[in-house]
Amino acid sequence: MYKIGLAEDDQKIAKLIKEGLEENGYEVTVFHSGTFALETFIRDQFQLLILDVMIPDVTGIEICKELRKREIYTPLLMLTALGTVDDKVNGLDAGADDYLVKPFHFRELLARIEALLRRQHFGHDVSKPAHALLQFKDLTLNTHSKEVKRAQRSIELTAKEFHLLELFLLNPNRLLSRQYIAEQVWDISFDTGTNVVDVYVNFLRNKIDKGFDSKLIHTKIGMGYILK
């Protein structure tokens, strides 16, 4: 049975989510305090976390940032009433794996949870990573220590930049479409009509290609991106 931690201050919403998930075979622990949720998420092991962005005392964004800072990479789904592209990017950049806007249908929440749990084998569950060291040319990524280096020069990446680079390193010399990148790094139902994939690829390029003679991430116009 998968153990899910739910941080939601609206008791009615929390009760509905808890009952619905338990009917589908999940074990759910509810927290109405951000501080208590964070302390428990650090101490105890969960297979997935659901955070309301606006939970009192410590926001969902702050909880997410602190967990990722402590190298706790449990799959994390944000719930929020805020639905603009900038809001989504802020949540995802904090380290969230997916973002669901209220109000939502329970079936959609369930589908998002199932998708995140399926993707744990991809390397997002770092307690048992499939690969410790990924390398292409002079670029290396360590899934244990989260260290990224190019030509022995350390490179600092955000959580999403790290997962994006991990995807490229797991698929060298393979053309990756924007849709595929969005499915793997964000979620299959992520709004691919936005330019967030292109924005993050550019962020990553500025960190791993800028200042080096050899460029590794290349654009195939109208098709996607390739590490070669």
Protein backbone atom coordinates (compact mmCIF):
# COMPACT_ATOMS: atom_id res chain seq x y z
CA MET A 1 0.00 0.00 0.00
CA TYR A 2 1.37 3.40 -1.00
CA LYS A 3 1.66 5.91 1.84
CA ILE A 4 0.66 9.46 0.91
CA GLY A 5 1.18 12.64 2.96
CA LEU A 6 -1.46 15.34 2.42
CA ALA A 7 -0.89 18.92 3.67
CA GLU A 8 -4.21 20.75 3.24
CA ASP A 9 -5.72 23.29 5.68
CA ASP A 10 -9.24 23.11 4.22
CA GLN A 11 -10.66 20.27 6.30
CA LYS A 12 -13.54 19.56 3.90
CA ILE A 13 -11.22 19.20 0.90
CA ALA A 14 -8.74 17.16 2.93
CA LYS A 15 -11.52 14.80 4.08
CA LEU A 16 -12.77 14.28 0.52
CA ILE A 17 -9.27 13.60 -0.83
CA LYS A 18 -8.41 11.25 2.04
CA GLU A 19 -11.62 9.23 1.72
CA GLY A 20 -11.36 9.04 -2.07
CA LEU A 21 -7.74 7.89 -2.04
CA GLU A 22 -8.33 5.35 0.71
CA GLU A 23 -11.19 3.89 -1.35
CA ASN A 24 -8.58 3.39 -4.09
CA GLY A 25 -6.17 1.54 -1.83
CA TYR A 26 -3.88 4.34 -0.62
CA GLU A 27 -2.92 5.09 2.99
CA VAL A 28 -3.31 8.84 3.61
CA THR A 29 -2.03 10.95 6.51
CA VAL A 30 -3.51 14.47 6.66
CA PHE A 31 -1.76 17.57 8.03
CA HIS A 32 -3.51 20.92 8.55
CA SER A 33 -0.30 22.68 9.67
CA GLY A 34 2.57 23.38 7.30
CA THR A 35 5.11 23.26 10.12
CA PHE A 36 3.93 19.86 11.40
CA ALA A 37 3.72 18.53 7.84
CA LEU A 38 7.31 19.57 7.07
CA GLU A 39 8.65 18.04 10.30
CA THR A 40 6.88 14.76 9.55
CA PHE A 41 7.89 14.67 5.87
CA ILE A 42 11.53 15.09 6.91
CA ARG A 43 11.30 12.39 9.59
CA ASP A 44 9.01 9.76 8.05
CA GLN A 45 8.97 8.06 4.65
CA PHE A 46 6.12 8.59 2.19
CA GLN A 47 5.77 7.38 -1.40
CA LEU A 48 4.07 10.63 -2.49
CA LEU A 49 3.26 14.07 -1.06
CA ILE A 50 0.32 16.37 -1.88
CA LEU A 51 0.77 19.99 -0.78
CA ASP A 52 -1.65 22.90 -0.80
CA VAL A 53 0.31 26.00 -1.83
CA MET A 54 -1.47 28.31 0.64
CA ILE A 55 -1.35 26.12 3.78
CA PRO A 56 -0.81 28.37 6.87
CA ASP A 57 2.46 29.02 8.75
CA VAL A 58 4.69 27.29 6.16
CA THR A 59 3.48 27.39 2.55
CA GLY A 60 3.54 24.45 0.20
CA ILE A 61 6.23 26.18 -1.85
CA GLU A 62 8.39 26.61 1.26
CA ILE A 63 7.86 22.99 2.29
CA CYS A 64 8.83 21.82 -1.19
CA LYS A 65 11.98 23.96 -1.27
CA GLU A 66 13.08 22.75 2.17
CA LEU A 67 12.55 19.09 1.28
CA ARG A 68 14.54 19.41 -1.94
CA LYS A 69 17.25 21.34 -0.08
CA ARG A 70 17.52 18.35 2.26
CA GLU A 71 17.73 16.05 -0.79
CA ILE A 72 14.34 14.47 -0.12
CA TYR A 73 12.98 13.81 -3.60
CA THR A 74 9.67 12.13 -2.82
CA PRO A 75 7.26 12.71 -5.76
CA LEU A 76 5.31 15.88 -4.94
CA LEU A 77 2.03 17.23 -6.28
CA MET A 78 1.01 20.87 -5.63
CA LEU A 79 -2.64 21.88 -5.16
CA THR A 80 -3.54 25.53 -5.61
CA ALA A 81 -6.26 27.96 -6.58
CA LEU A 82 -3.66 29.88 -8.62
CA GLY A 83 -3.60 28.81 -12.25
CA THR A 84 -1.43 31.11 -14.37
CA VAL A 85 1.64 29.86 -16.23
CA ASP A 86 3.90 31.86 -13.88
CA ASP A 87 2.27 30.20 -10.86
CA LYS A 88 2.88 26.77 -12.39
CA VAL A 89 6.51 27.57 -13.17
CA ASN A 90 7.09 28.86 -9.63
CA GLY A 91 5.71 25.67 -8.13
CA LEU A 92 7.62 23.42 -10.49
CA ASP A 93 10.83 25.41 -10.05
CA ALA A 94 10.52 24.94 -6.28
CA GLY A 95 10.90 21.22 -6.95
CA ALA A 96 7.29 20.04 -7.38
CA ASP A 97 6.72 17.25 -9.89
CA ASP A 98 3.20 18.28 -10.88
CA TYR A 99 0.66 21.03 -10.31
CA LEU A 100 -3.13 20.71 -10.07
CA VAL A 101 -5.44 23.74 -9.99
CA LYS A 102 -8.54 23.85 -7.77
CA PRO A 103 -11.31 23.02 -8.34
CA PHE A 104 -10.43 19.68 -9.91
CA HIS A 105 -12.18 16.39 -10.60
CA PHE A 106 -11.10 13.59 -8.28
CA ARG A 107 -10.46 11.33 -11.28
CA GLU A 108 -7.86 13.81 -12.52
CA LEU A 109 -6.14 13.88 -9.11
CA LEU A 110 -6.08 10.09 -9.08
CA ALA A 111 -4.60 9.99 -12.60
CA ARG A 112 -1.87 12.48 -11.63
CA ILE A 113 -0.97 10.43 -8.56
CA GLU A 114 -0.80 7.19 -10.55
CA ALA A 115 1.39 8.88 -13.18
CA LEU A 116 3.83 10.19 -10.56
CA LEU A 117 4.10 6.80 -8.86
CA ARG A 118 4.71 5.08 -12.23
CA ARG A 119 7.52 7.53 -12.98
CA GLN A 120 9.52 6.68 -9.86
CA HIS A 121 11.52 4.12 -11.86
CA PHE A 122 12.76 6.97 -14.09
CA GLY A 123 15.12 8.16 -11.36
CA HIS A 124 12.95 10.60 -9.40
CA ASP A 125 13.04 8.18 -6.47
CA VAL A 126 16.64 8.77 -5.49
CA SER A 127 16.51 6.40 -2.53
CA LYS A 128 17.05 3.64 -5.10
CA PRO A 129 18.42 5.28 -8.24
CA ALA A 130 18.77 3.19 -11.36
CA HIS A 131 22.04 4.88 -12.29
CA ALA A 132 24.58 6.44 -9.90
CA LEU A 133 26.73 8.25 -12.48
CA LEU A 134 25.54 9.40 -15.88
CA GLN A 135 28.13 10.71 -18.32
CA PHE A 136 28.28 12.13 -21.83
CA LYS A 137 31.57 13.49 -23.17
CA ASP A 138 32.97 15.70 -20.37
CA LEU A 139 29.57 16.15 -18.68
CA THR A 140 28.70 14.07 -15.59
CA LEU A 141 25.64 13.84 -13.34
CA ASN A 142 25.64 11.92 -10.05
CA THR A 143 22.14 10.82 -9.00
CA HIS A 144 23.38 10.05 -5.46
CA SER A 145 25.10 13.32 -4.58
CA LYS A 146 23.18 15.48 -7.11
CA GLU A 147 26.51 16.84 -8.35
CA VAL A 148 26.79 17.99 -11.95
CA LYS A 149 30.15 18.75 -13.54
CA ARG A 150 31.44 19.65 -16.97
CA ALA A 151 35.19 19.42 -17.55
CA GLN A 152 35.48 19.01 -13.76
CA ARG A 153 33.75 22.38 -13.25
CA SER A 154 30.84 22.17 -10.79
CA ILE A 155 27.47 23.35 -12.09
CA GLU A 156 24.54 24.32 -9.84
CA LEU A 157 21.11 23.31 -11.15
CA THR A 158 17.56 23.71 -9.89
CA ALA A 159 15.50 20.56 -9.30
CA LYS A 160 13.77 20.78 -12.68
CA GLU A 161 17.01 21.59 -14.54
CA PHE A 162 18.56 18.52 -12.88
CA HIS A 163 15.72 16.22 -13.98
CA LEU A 164 15.81 17.71 -17.48
CA LEU A 165 19.54 17.06 -17.77
CA GLU A 166 19.03 13.57 -16.37
CA LEU A 167 16.50 12.89 -19.13
CA PHE A 168 18.97 14.02 -21.81
CA LEU A 169 21.77 11.91 -20.31
CA LEU A 170 19.54 8.84 -20.22
CA ASN A 171 18.78 9.40 -23.92
CA PRO A 172 22.01 10.55 -25.62
CA ASN A 173 21.91 11.05 -29.40
CA ARG A 174 18.13 10.67 -29.32
CA LEU A 175 15.77 13.41 -30.51
CA LEU A 176 13.35 14.30 -27.71
CA SER A 177 10.13 16.10 -28.60
CA ARG A 178 8.79 18.89 -26.40
CA GLN A 179 5.76 16.69 -25.64
CA TYR A 180 8.00 13.83 -24.48
CA ILE A 181 10.12 16.15 -22.33
CA ALA A 182 6.98 17.60 -20.73
CA GLU A 183 5.63 14.11 -20.03
CA GLN A 184 8.86 12.90 -18.42
CA VAL A 185 10.07 15.95 -16.52
CA TRP A 186 6.69 17.41 -15.60
CA ASP A 187 3.56 15.33 -16.20
CA ILE A 188 1.72 13.85 -19.15
CA SER A 189 -1.15 16.29 -18.65
CA PHE A 190 1.11 19.34 -18.30
CA ASP A 191 0.05 22.21 -20.57
CA THR A 192 2.49 21.78 -23.44
CA GLY A 193 0.96 24.79 -25.19
CA THR A 194 3.22 26.98 -23.07
CA ASN A 195 6.90 27.58 -23.76
CA VAL A 196 8.07 26.32 -20.36
CA VAL A 197 10.03 23.42 -21.96
CA ASP A 198 11.93 25.82 -24.23
CA VAL A 199 12.56 28.16 -21.29
CA TYR A 200 14.07 25.39 -19.18
CA VAL A 201 16.17 24.03 -22.04
CA ASN A 202 17.60 27.54 -22.43
CA PHE A 203 18.26 27.75 -18.69
CA LEU A 204 20.11 24.44 -18.90
CA ARG A 205 22.08 25.47 -21.98
CA ASN A 206 23.28 28.63 -20.25
CA LYS A 207 24.72 26.48 -17.47
CA ILE A 208 26.25 23.51 -19.29
CA ASP A 209 27.12 24.92 -22.74
CA LYS A 210 27.94 28.59 -22.14
CA GLY A 211 31.70 29.13 -22.06
CA PHE A 212 32.50 25.78 -23.70
CA ASP A 213 33.61 25.40 -27.31
CA SER A 214 31.64 22.20 -27.77
CA LYS A 215 27.85 22.61 -27.48
CA LEU A 216 25.95 19.53 -26.28
CA ILE A 217 22.24 20.43 -26.44
CA HIS A 218 21.02 21.07 -29.98
CA THR A 219 17.67 22.24 -31.37
CA LYS A 220 15.87 20.48 -34.20
CA ILE A 221 13.47 23.20 -35.36
CA GLY A 222 9.89 22.10 -35.12
CA MET A 223 10.92 18.70 -33.70
CA GLY A 224 12.60 19.05 -30.32
CA TYR A 225 16.03 18.77 -28.71
CA ILE A 226 18.93 16.32 -28.78
CA LEU A 227 22.06 15.76 -26.67
CA LYS A 228 24.92 15.06 -29.06
